[in-house]
């Protein structure tokens, strides 16, 4: 029996090489396109930019070393955000492209799942980002958790 159930991701920290450049990018993605709110704070003398919605936050902090992001090295491979529907993914891809972000067209990826639709893009440091839809399998897992096997 678990001690406590995790109910969500509280926050993610992304270390960026140029805070102002990344802030401008994430303003377009998270604030303008996905409706996050934003504030700023300092920790240990370092400026931080926090984006948040009702569910979790994404915080940008300055890097201490200027090394390029390597998605196949240990660490973060990509960050995938979920929206409700395939239509939402299509709208996000269009809005990102209109904002000058090189997002892929929304497409279906049946190798992942029959109803898996996504758009892919990268931040200024090469961190891979994805927006996908809330697929049926995920909805069923959420809504019928106690009826599914735990294996």
C-alpha atoms as a PDB file:
ATOM      1  CA  UNK A   1       0.000   0.000   0.000  1.00  0.00           C
ATOM      2  CA  UNK A   2       1.516   3.365  -0.968  1.00  0.00           C
ATOM      3  CA  UNK A   3       2.178   5.956   1.710  1.00  0.00           C
ATOM      4  CA  UNK A   4       0.608   8.747  -0.364  1.00  0.00           C
ATOM      5  CA  UNK A   5      -0.746   9.215  -3.877  1.00  0.00           C
ATOM      6  CA  UNK A   6       0.996  11.706  -6.149  1.00  0.00           C
ATOM      7  CA  UNK A   7      -1.749  13.917  -7.567  1.00  0.00           C
ATOM      8  CA  UNK A   8       0.323  15.808 -10.110  1.00  0.00           C
ATOM      9  CA  UNK A   9       3.626  17.431 -10.926  1.00  0.00           C
ATOM     10  CA  UNK A  10       4.044  20.524  -8.772  1.00  0.00           C
ATOM     11  CA  UNK A  11       6.803  22.236 -10.751  1.00  0.00           C
ATOM     12  CA  UNK A  12       9.623  21.682 -13.208  1.00  0.00           C
ATOM     13  CA  UNK A  13      12.806  23.742 -13.294  1.00  0.00           C
ATOM     14  CA  UNK A  14      14.466  24.348 -16.657  1.00  0.00           C
ATOM     15  CA  UNK A  15      18.008  25.689 -16.637  1.00  0.00           C
ATOM     16  CA  UNK A  16      18.563  28.085 -19.528  1.00  0.00           C
ATOM     17  CA  UNK A  17      21.677  29.674 -21.020  1.00  0.00           C
ATOM     18  CA  UNK A  18      20.150  33.124 -21.667  1.00  0.00           C
ATOM     19  CA  UNK A  19      17.272  33.985 -19.345  1.00  0.00           C
ATOM     20  CA  UNK A  20      15.926  36.948 -21.357  1.00  0.00           C
ATOM     21  CA  UNK A  21      15.959  34.963 -24.618  1.00  0.00           C
ATOM     22  CA  UNK A  22      14.231  31.972 -23.010  1.00  0.00           C
ATOM     23  CA  UNK A  23      11.718  34.192 -21.230  1.00  0.00           C
ATOM     24  CA  UNK A  24      10.677  35.731 -24.564  1.00  0.00           C
ATOM     25  CA  UNK A  25      10.256  32.231 -26.040  1.00  0.00           C
ATOM     26  CA  UNK A  26       8.301  30.815 -23.090  1.00  0.00           C
ATOM     27  CA  UNK A  27       6.140  33.952 -22.957  1.00  0.00           C
ATOM     28  CA  UNK A  28       4.930  33.061 -26.471  1.00  0.00           C
ATOM     29  CA  UNK A  29       4.491  29.355 -25.694  1.00  0.00           C
ATOM     30  CA  UNK A  30       3.207  29.280 -22.130  1.00  0.00           C
ATOM     31  CA  UNK A  31       1.588  32.674 -21.606  1.00  0.00           C
ATOM     32  CA  UNK A  32       0.295  33.663 -25.029  1.00  0.00           C
ATOM     33  CA  UNK A  33      -0.581  30.214 -26.401  1.00  0.00           C
ATOM     34  CA  UNK A  34      -1.325  28.034 -23.353  1.00  0.00           C
ATOM     35  CA  UNK A  35      -2.666  30.598 -20.859  1.00  0.00           C
ATOM     36  CA  UNK A  36      -0.081  30.258 -18.088  1.00  0.00           C
ATOM     37  CA  UNK A  37       0.471  33.167 -15.719  1.00  0.00           C
ATOM     38  CA  UNK A  38       3.923  34.460 -14.824  1.00  0.00           C
ATOM     39  CA  UNK A  39       5.878  35.946 -11.956  1.00  0.00           C
ATOM     40  CA  UNK A  40       9.514  36.492 -11.025  1.00  0.00           C
ATOM     41  CA  UNK A  41      11.540  35.793  -7.911  1.00  0.00           C
ATOM     42  CA  UNK A  42      15.160  35.362  -6.851  1.00  0.00           C
ATOM     43  CA  UNK A  43      16.771  32.399  -5.091  1.00  0.00           C
ATOM     44  CA  UNK A  44      20.364  32.576  -3.925  1.00  0.00           C
ATOM     45  CA  UNK A  45      20.772  35.815  -5.854  1.00  0.00           C
ATOM     46  CA  UNK A  46      19.715  34.180  -9.146  1.00  0.00           C
ATOM     47  CA  UNK A  47      16.695  35.561 -11.012  1.00  0.00           C
ATOM     48  CA  UNK A  48      13.936  33.037 -11.740  1.00  0.00           C
ATOM     49  CA  UNK A  49      10.908  33.305 -14.025  1.00  0.00           C
ATOM     50  CA  UNK A  50       7.933  31.146 -13.060  1.00  0.00           C
ATOM     51  CA  UNK A  51       5.057  30.212 -15.344  1.00  0.00           C
ATOM     52  CA  UNK A  52       2.085  28.522 -13.729  1.00  0.00           C
ATOM     53  CA  UNK A  53      -1.455  27.379 -14.370  1.00  0.00           C
ATOM     54  CA  UNK A  54      -3.937  25.742 -12.009  1.00  0.00           C
ATOM     55  CA  UNK A  55      -2.078  22.431 -12.178  1.00  0.00           C
ATOM     56  CA  UNK A  56       1.693  23.068 -12.015  1.00  0.00           C
ATOM     57  CA  UNK A  57       4.544  25.462 -12.668  1.00  0.00           C
ATOM     58  CA  UNK A  58       7.525  25.677 -14.989  1.00  0.00           C
ATOM     59  CA  UNK A  59      10.420  27.753 -13.673  1.00  0.00           C
ATOM     60  CA  UNK A  60      13.315  29.118 -15.708  1.00  0.00           C
ATOM     61  CA  UNK A  61      16.606  29.638 -13.923  1.00  0.00           C
ATOM     62  CA  UNK A  62      19.994  30.703 -15.294  1.00  0.00           C
ATOM     63  CA  UNK A  63      22.527  28.013 -16.131  1.00  0.00           C
ATOM     64  CA  UNK A  64      25.849  27.964 -14.314  1.00  0.00           C
ATOM     65  CA  UNK A  65      27.596  26.273 -17.239  1.00  0.00           C
ATOM     66  CA  UNK A  66      27.088  27.075 -20.909  1.00  0.00           C
ATOM     67  CA  UNK A  67      26.813  23.542 -22.253  1.00  0.00           C
ATOM     68  CA  UNK A  68      24.341  22.647 -25.008  1.00  0.00           C
ATOM     69  CA  UNK A  69      21.345  20.513 -24.104  1.00  0.00           C
ATOM     70  CA  UNK A  70      21.812  16.853 -25.070  1.00  0.00           C
ATOM     71  CA  UNK A  71      18.446  15.047 -25.210  1.00  0.00           C
ATOM     72  CA  UNK A  72      20.127  11.630 -25.353  1.00  0.00           C
ATOM     73  CA  UNK A  73      22.452  12.239 -22.388  1.00  0.00           C
ATOM     74  CA  UNK A  74      21.190  11.453 -18.884  1.00  0.00           C
ATOM     75  CA  UNK A  75      18.568  13.997 -17.879  1.00  0.00           C
ATOM     76  CA  UNK A  76      15.564  15.484 -19.598  1.00  0.00           C
ATOM     77  CA  UNK A  77      14.778  14.068 -23.044  1.00  0.00           C
ATOM     78  CA  UNK A  78      11.646  16.119 -23.698  1.00  0.00           C
ATOM     79  CA  UNK A  79       8.761  17.831 -21.950  1.00  0.00           C
ATOM     80  CA  UNK A  80       5.254  16.998 -23.144  1.00  0.00           C
ATOM     81  CA  UNK A  81       2.279  19.164 -22.196  1.00  0.00           C
ATOM     82  CA  UNK A  82      -1.248  17.829 -22.565  1.00  0.00           C
ATOM     83  CA  UNK A  83      -4.283  19.700 -23.860  1.00  0.00           C
ATOM     84  CA  UNK A  84      -7.818  18.349 -23.989  1.00  0.00           C
ATOM     85  CA  UNK A  85      -8.464  17.522 -27.638  1.00  0.00           C
ATOM     86  CA  UNK A  86      -6.974  16.941 -31.075  1.00  0.00           C
ATOM     87  CA  UNK A  87      -8.527  20.247 -32.118  1.00  0.00           C
ATOM     88  CA  UNK A  88      -6.658  21.933 -29.275  1.00  0.00           C
ATOM     89  CA  UNK A  89      -3.359  20.440 -30.487  1.00  0.00           C
ATOM     90  CA  UNK A  90      -4.089  21.747 -33.991  1.00  0.00           C
ATOM     91  CA  UNK A  91      -4.903  25.217 -32.612  1.00  0.00           C
ATOM     92  CA  UNK A  92      -1.720  25.246 -30.502  1.00  0.00           C
ATOM     93  CA  UNK A  93       0.472  24.247 -33.465  1.00  0.00           C
ATOM     94  CA  UNK A  94      -1.085  26.990 -35.605  1.00  0.00           C
ATOM     95  CA  UNK A  95      -0.696  29.605 -32.845  1.00  0.00           C
ATOM     96  CA  UNK A  96       2.931  28.666 -32.205  1.00  0.00           C
ATOM     97  CA  UNK A  97       3.735  28.856 -35.906  1.00  0.00           C
ATOM     98  CA  UNK A  98       2.001  32.251 -36.120  1.00  0.00           C
ATOM     99  CA  UNK A  99       4.174  33.400 -33.179  1.00  0.00           C
ATOM    100  CA  UNK A 100       7.313  32.519 -35.141  1.00  0.00           C
ATOM    101  CA  UNK A 101       8.053  29.221 -33.388  1.00  0.00           C
ATOM    102  CA  UNK A 102       9.128  26.345 -35.624  1.00  0.00           C
ATOM    103  CA  UNK A 103       6.461  23.927 -34.380  1.00  0.00           C
ATOM    104  CA  UNK A 104       5.574  20.934 -36.513  1.00  0.00           C
ATOM    105  CA  UNK A 105       2.093  20.734 -37.948  1.00  0.00           C
ATOM    106  CA  UNK A 106      -0.233  18.774 -35.673  1.00  0.00           C
ATOM    107  CA  UNK A 107      -0.192  15.179 -36.880  1.00  0.00           C
ATOM    108  CA  UNK A 108      -1.406  11.786 -35.720  1.00  0.00           C
ATOM    109  CA  UNK A 109       1.222   9.248 -34.611  1.00  0.00           C
ATOM    110  CA  UNK A 110      -0.463   5.816 -34.720  1.00  0.00           C
ATOM    111  CA  UNK A 111       2.775   4.100 -33.628  1.00  0.00           C
ATOM    112  CA  UNK A 112       2.232   5.763 -30.222  1.00  0.00           C
ATOM    113  CA  UNK A 113      -1.565   5.329 -30.066  1.00  0.00           C
ATOM    114  CA  UNK A 114      -4.394   5.419 -32.580  1.00  0.00           C
ATOM    115  CA  UNK A 115      -5.588   8.796 -31.258  1.00  0.00           C
ATOM    116  CA  UNK A 116      -2.153  10.326 -30.480  1.00  0.00           C
ATOM    117  CA  UNK A 117      -1.870  13.775 -32.054  1.00  0.00           C
ATOM    118  CA  UNK A 118       1.041  16.080 -31.327  1.00  0.00           C
ATOM    119  CA  UNK A 119       3.100  19.085 -32.327  1.00  0.00           C
ATOM    120  CA  UNK A 120       6.846  19.200 -31.636  1.00  0.00           C
ATOM    121  CA  UNK A 121       9.253  22.137 -31.236  1.00  0.00           C
ATOM    122  CA  UNK A 122      12.410  23.171 -29.359  1.00  0.00           C
ATOM    123  CA  UNK A 123      13.248  25.995 -26.983  1.00  0.00           C
ATOM    124  CA  UNK A 124      16.275  28.269 -27.605  1.00  0.00           C
ATOM    125  CA  UNK A 125      18.563  25.836 -25.736  1.00  0.00           C
ATOM    126  CA  UNK A 126      17.376  22.825 -27.738  1.00  0.00           C
ATOM    127  CA  UNK A 127      15.079  21.394 -25.059  1.00  0.00           C
ATOM    128  CA  UNK A 128      12.500  19.376 -26.953  1.00  0.00           C
ATOM    129  CA  UNK A 129       8.881  20.269 -26.273  1.00  0.00           C
ATOM    130  CA  UNK A 130       5.658  18.572 -27.294  1.00  0.00           C
ATOM    131  CA  UNK A 131       1.954  19.282 -26.963  1.00  0.00           C
ATOM    132  CA  UNK A 132      -0.379  16.297 -27.227  1.00  0.00           C
ATOM    133  CA  UNK A 133      -4.042  15.523 -26.665  1.00  0.00           C
ATOM    134  CA  UNK A 134      -5.676  13.806 -23.695  1.00  0.00           C
ATOM    135  CA  UNK A 135      -5.988  10.387 -25.266  1.00  0.00           C
ATOM    136  CA  UNK A 136      -8.683   7.828 -24.540  1.00  0.00           C
ATOM    137  CA  UNK A 137      -6.278   5.432 -22.831  1.00  0.00           C
ATOM    138  CA  UNK A 138      -5.173   8.201 -20.431  1.00  0.00           C
ATOM    139  CA  UNK A 139      -8.773   9.198 -19.729  1.00  0.00           C
ATOM    140  CA  UNK A 140      -9.727   5.590 -18.958  1.00  0.00           C
ATOM    141  CA  UNK A 141      -6.685   5.141 -16.738  1.00  0.00           C
ATOM    142  CA  UNK A 142      -7.656   8.254 -14.786  1.00  0.00           C
ATOM    143  CA  UNK A 143     -11.382   7.578 -14.575  1.00  0.00           C
ATOM    144  CA  UNK A 144     -11.173   3.841 -13.821  1.00  0.00           C
ATOM    145  CA  UNK A 145      -7.945   3.581 -11.816  1.00  0.00           C
ATOM    146  CA  UNK A 146      -9.304   1.148  -9.235  1.00  0.00           C
ATOM    147  CA  UNK A 147     -10.643  -1.230 -11.909  1.00  0.00           C
ATOM    148  CA  UNK A 148      -7.269  -1.668 -13.695  1.00  0.00           C
ATOM    149  CA  UNK A 149      -4.619  -4.180 -12.731  1.00  0.00           C
ATOM    150  CA  UNK A 150      -1.528  -2.850 -10.989  1.00  0.00           C
ATOM    151  CA  UNK A 151       1.000  -4.952 -12.887  1.00  0.00           C
END
